[in-house]
Amino acid sequence: MAALATANLDVPSTLHQPTNTNTETRQLTATVLLDAIERCLHQSTSEWMLLRELRVGTGFHGNAAQRLDAYALNCLPHTSMRRVCYEVKISRADFLCEVKQPLKRRIGLRYSNEFYFVTPAGLLNTSELPIECGLVEVGAFAQDERSIAHVESGALVHFDPSHGVYCRITVPALWRETPGPTWQFVAGMLRNQQKAFQGRPPKPPNQQGLPFTD
């Protein structure tokens, strides 16, 4: 599947070599990656609800509830209320640490139909992905390449010319049928939205500062 997904993409190689001096496009932080996901894949607010730093549950008894970097819910019935979980990784060390602890993905897999890692373009080899996970890559492209965006955009590649970034579904995630949410999960979603309505922006995803190691 990884080879097929990659082969169908015809993204100019120059897009991986950003020359734009815009700070936002050059520094692909976790927040910039999630902004690209929202603008490119979940732009329609009438169809999608995107929750960042979603705390799975409520209360503080015992261990702290796990947080999901981003969680998207499609609100249209004909899509089977599609649910997508995103885990952001901006370093190889953090990703390698994550894949060694599969139980950390258990909650995200439990509440989603599709699970994606989101990384800067070129950070990972597709062969490194767990079989149940997909990969979304975000990259920057230069000012003089923005005209390409309107021509090359397709089903698996999405461009955001106004911010100089593109979002590529390099490996489509496997669809998994999962049971509905618990009341605790629903309460966590509502609290997340309440904070958004109150103008309290979510904290950026917690990325571990781990030394590089293979």
Protein backbone atom coordinates (compact mmCIF):
# COMPACT_ATOMS: atom_id res chain seq x y z
CA MET A 1 0.00 0.00 0.00
CA ALA A 2 2.84 2.39 0.87
CA ALA A 3 4.50 1.89 -2.51
CA LEU A 4 1.22 2.35 -4.35
CA ALA A 5 0.32 5.52 -2.48
CA THR A 6 3.72 7.06 -3.12
CA ALA A 7 3.81 6.08 -6.77
CA ASN A 8 0.54 7.90 -7.47
CA LEU A 9 1.95 11.21 -6.27
CA ASP A 10 3.70 13.58 -8.62
CA VAL A 11 4.93 16.31 -6.32
CA PRO A 12 7.76 18.45 -7.67
CA SER A 13 10.98 17.57 -5.86
CA THR A 14 11.71 21.25 -5.35
CA LEU A 15 8.87 21.40 -2.85
CA HIS A 16 11.07 19.51 -0.40
CA GLN A 17 13.70 22.27 -0.62
CA PRO A 18 11.95 25.36 0.81
CA THR A 19 13.66 28.64 0.01
CA ASN A 20 10.92 30.90 1.32
CA THR A 21 12.14 33.22 4.04
CA ASN A 22 8.76 33.17 5.76
CA THR A 23 9.37 31.89 9.30
CA GLU A 24 6.10 29.99 9.53
CA THR A 25 6.77 27.88 6.42
CA ARG A 26 10.44 27.23 7.15
CA GLN A 27 10.02 26.09 10.74
CA LEU A 28 7.68 23.13 10.62
CA THR A 29 6.73 23.03 14.27
CA ALA A 30 3.99 20.79 15.64
CA THR A 31 1.56 23.72 15.57
CA VAL A 32 2.39 24.53 11.93
CA LEU A 33 1.81 20.87 10.98
CA LEU A 34 -1.60 20.82 12.65
CA ASP A 35 -2.51 24.15 11.04
CA ALA A 36 -1.73 22.58 7.65
CA ILE A 37 -3.85 19.52 8.48
CA GLU A 38 -6.78 21.74 9.40
CA ARG A 39 -6.54 24.04 6.38
CA CYS A 40 -5.86 21.30 3.82
CA LEU A 41 -7.90 18.31 5.04
CA HIS A 42 -10.59 19.68 7.36
CA GLN A 43 -11.32 23.15 6.08
CA SER A 44 -15.10 22.72 5.90
CA THR A 45 -16.41 23.50 9.38
CA SER A 46 -19.91 22.40 8.36
CA GLU A 47 -18.56 18.91 7.70
CA TRP A 48 -15.59 18.50 10.04
CA MET A 49 -14.93 19.09 13.71
CA LEU A 50 -11.21 19.21 14.49
CA LEU A 51 -10.16 19.08 18.13
CA ARG A 52 -6.55 19.73 19.15
CA GLU A 53 -4.91 18.42 22.29
CA LEU A 54 -8.03 16.43 23.08
CA ARG A 55 -8.01 15.05 26.59
CA VAL A 56 -9.65 11.63 26.57
CA GLY A 57 -11.96 11.83 29.54
CA THR A 58 -12.44 14.09 32.54
CA GLY A 59 -11.40 14.20 36.18
CA PHE A 60 -8.00 13.86 37.76
CA HIS A 61 -8.37 10.71 39.84
CA GLY A 62 -5.48 8.28 39.35
CA ASN A 63 -3.42 8.65 36.19
CA ALA A 64 -3.91 11.67 33.99
CA ALA A 65 -6.12 11.05 30.95
CA GLN A 66 -4.23 10.61 27.70
CA ARG A 67 -4.25 13.46 25.20
CA LEU A 68 -4.56 13.12 21.44
CA ASP A 69 -2.61 15.65 19.36
CA ALA A 70 -5.61 16.09 17.05
CA TYR A 71 -8.91 14.33 16.47
CA ALA A 72 -11.22 14.95 13.52
CA LEU A 73 -14.88 13.95 13.38
CA ASN A 74 -16.87 14.04 10.17
CA CYS A 75 -20.38 15.17 11.04
CA LEU A 76 -22.14 13.81 7.94
CA PRO A 77 -24.01 10.50 8.39
CA HIS A 78 -23.23 9.19 4.90
CA THR A 79 -19.52 9.11 5.82
CA SER A 80 -20.29 6.78 8.75
CA MET A 81 -19.24 9.67 11.03
CA ARG A 82 -15.63 9.14 10.00
CA ARG A 83 -13.18 9.63 12.86
CA VAL A 84 -9.48 10.37 12.31
CA CYS A 85 -6.73 10.55 14.93
CA TYR A 86 -3.47 12.42 14.28
CA GLU A 87 -0.19 11.94 16.16
CA VAL A 88 2.41 14.62 15.41
CA LYS A 89 6.11 13.76 15.32
CA ILE A 90 8.72 16.36 14.39
CA SER A 91 11.80 14.27 15.13
CA ARG A 92 12.87 10.75 14.21
CA ALA A 93 13.88 10.06 17.80
CA ASP A 94 10.38 10.83 19.06
CA PHE A 95 8.82 8.65 16.36
CA LEU A 96 11.15 5.70 17.04
CA CYS A 97 10.38 5.96 20.75
CA GLU A 98 6.66 5.97 19.96
CA VAL A 99 6.66 2.86 17.76
CA LYS A 100 8.43 0.93 20.51
CA GLN A 101 5.45 1.62 22.79
CA PRO A 102 2.38 0.42 20.87
CA LEU A 103 0.15 0.76 23.94
CA LYS A 104 0.48 4.54 23.66
CA ARG A 105 -1.53 4.35 20.42
CA ARG A 106 -4.24 2.17 21.94
CA ILE A 107 -6.55 5.05 22.90
CA GLY A 108 -6.18 6.82 19.57
CA LEU A 109 -6.87 3.59 17.69
CA ARG A 110 -9.84 2.79 19.94
CA TYR A 111 -11.69 6.02 19.13
CA SER A 112 -10.80 6.44 15.45
CA ASN A 113 -11.40 4.75 12.12
CA GLU A 114 -8.08 5.98 10.75
CA PHE A 115 -4.84 6.74 12.58
CA TYR A 116 -2.13 8.93 11.05
CA PHE A 117 1.33 10.05 12.01
CA VAL A 118 1.95 13.64 10.88
CA THR A 119 5.57 14.58 10.17
CA PRO A 120 7.68 17.04 8.20
CA ALA A 121 8.23 15.75 4.66
CA GLY A 122 11.04 13.23 4.32
CA LEU A 123 11.41 12.51 8.03
CA LEU A 124 10.38 8.84 7.86
CA ASN A 125 10.65 5.86 5.56
CA THR A 126 7.24 4.38 4.85
CA SER A 127 8.57 0.93 5.80
CA GLU A 128 8.95 2.17 9.39
CA LEU A 129 5.23 2.71 9.88
CA PRO A 130 3.18 0.27 11.95
CA ILE A 131 0.77 -1.54 9.64
CA GLU A 132 -2.31 0.02 11.24
CA CYS A 133 -1.06 3.60 10.75
CA GLY A 134 -1.00 6.01 7.85
CA LEU A 135 1.37 8.89 7.16
CA VAL A 136 0.67 12.54 6.37
CA GLU A 137 3.68 14.68 5.44
CA VAL A 138 3.78 18.47 5.53
CA GLY A 139 6.34 20.49 3.62
CA ALA A 140 7.04 24.04 2.51
CA PHE A 141 7.46 25.42 -0.98
CA ALA A 142 8.97 28.66 -2.20
CA GLN A 143 7.20 31.83 -3.27
CA ASP A 144 7.94 31.29 -6.97
CA GLU A 145 6.48 27.76 -6.78
CA ARG A 146 3.07 28.77 -5.47
CA SER A 147 1.58 28.78 -8.95
CA ILE A 148 2.28 25.03 -9.06
CA ALA A 149 -0.11 24.56 -6.17
CA HIS A 150 -3.18 25.36 -8.23
CA VAL A 151 -2.17 22.84 -10.91
CA GLU A 152 -0.78 19.94 -8.91
CA SER A 153 -3.34 19.70 -6.13
CA GLY A 154 -5.03 16.28 -6.14
CA ALA A 155 -6.75 13.71 -3.98
CA LEU A 156 -3.59 12.85 -2.03
CA VAL A 157 -1.76 16.18 -2.22
CA HIS A 158 -3.27 19.38 -0.89
CA PHE A 159 -1.71 22.84 -1.10
CA ASP A 160 -2.16 25.92 1.04
CA PRO A 161 -0.67 28.66 -1.18
CA SER A 162 -1.46 31.47 1.25
CA HIS A 163 0.85 29.91 3.84
CA GLY A 164 3.34 28.23 1.49
CA VAL A 165 2.82 24.68 2.73
CA TYR A 166 1.51 21.46 1.25
CA CYS A 167 -0.01 18.42 2.91
CA ARG A 168 0.49 14.99 1.36
CA ILE A 169 -1.23 11.75 2.34
CA THR A 170 1.81 9.60 1.65
CA VAL A 171 0.36 6.40 3.11
CA PRO A 172 -3.44 6.15 3.42
CA ALA A 173 -4.43 4.67 6.78
CA LEU A 174 -6.32 1.42 6.93
CA TRP A 175 -10.02 1.86 7.74
CA ARG A 176 -10.99 0.17 11.00
CA GLU A 177 -14.48 -0.36 12.33
CA THR A 178 -14.47 0.73 15.97
CA PRO A 179 -17.19 1.01 18.63
CA GLY A 180 -18.77 4.32 19.54
CA PRO A 181 -17.34 6.74 22.09
CA THR A 182 -17.83 6.53 25.82
CA TRP A 183 -19.54 9.27 27.80
CA GLN A 184 -16.16 10.25 29.25
CA PHE A 185 -14.80 10.73 25.76
CA VAL A 186 -17.84 12.81 24.77
CA ALA A 187 -17.38 14.95 27.88
CA GLY A 188 -13.74 15.47 26.95
CA MET A 189 -14.76 16.60 23.44
CA LEU A 190 -17.32 19.05 24.83
CA ARG A 191 -14.83 20.52 27.27
CA ASN A 192 -12.33 20.92 24.44
CA GLN A 193 -14.90 22.84 22.38
CA GLN A 194 -15.91 24.92 25.38
CA LYS A 195 -12.31 26.10 25.77
CA ALA A 196 -12.20 26.96 22.07
CA PHE A 197 -15.40 29.03 22.35
CA GLN A 198 -13.90 30.85 25.33
CA GLY A 199 -10.89 31.80 23.25
CA ARG A 200 -8.47 29.62 25.15
CA PRO A 201 -6.18 28.13 22.49
CA PRO A 202 -4.98 24.56 23.10
CA LYS A 203 -1.41 23.98 24.09
CA PRO A 204 0.88 22.79 21.27
CA PRO A 205 1.47 19.02 21.19
CA ASN A 206 4.05 17.89 23.71
CA GLN A 207 7.05 16.77 21.67
CA GLN A 208 9.82 14.94 23.47
CA GLY A 209 13.34 16.33 23.13
CA LEU A 210 14.99 12.96 22.63
CA PRO A 211 18.50 12.38 21.24
CA PHE A 212 18.62 10.87 17.77
CA THR A 213 19.05 7.12 17.72
CA ASP A 214 18.21 4.27 15.38
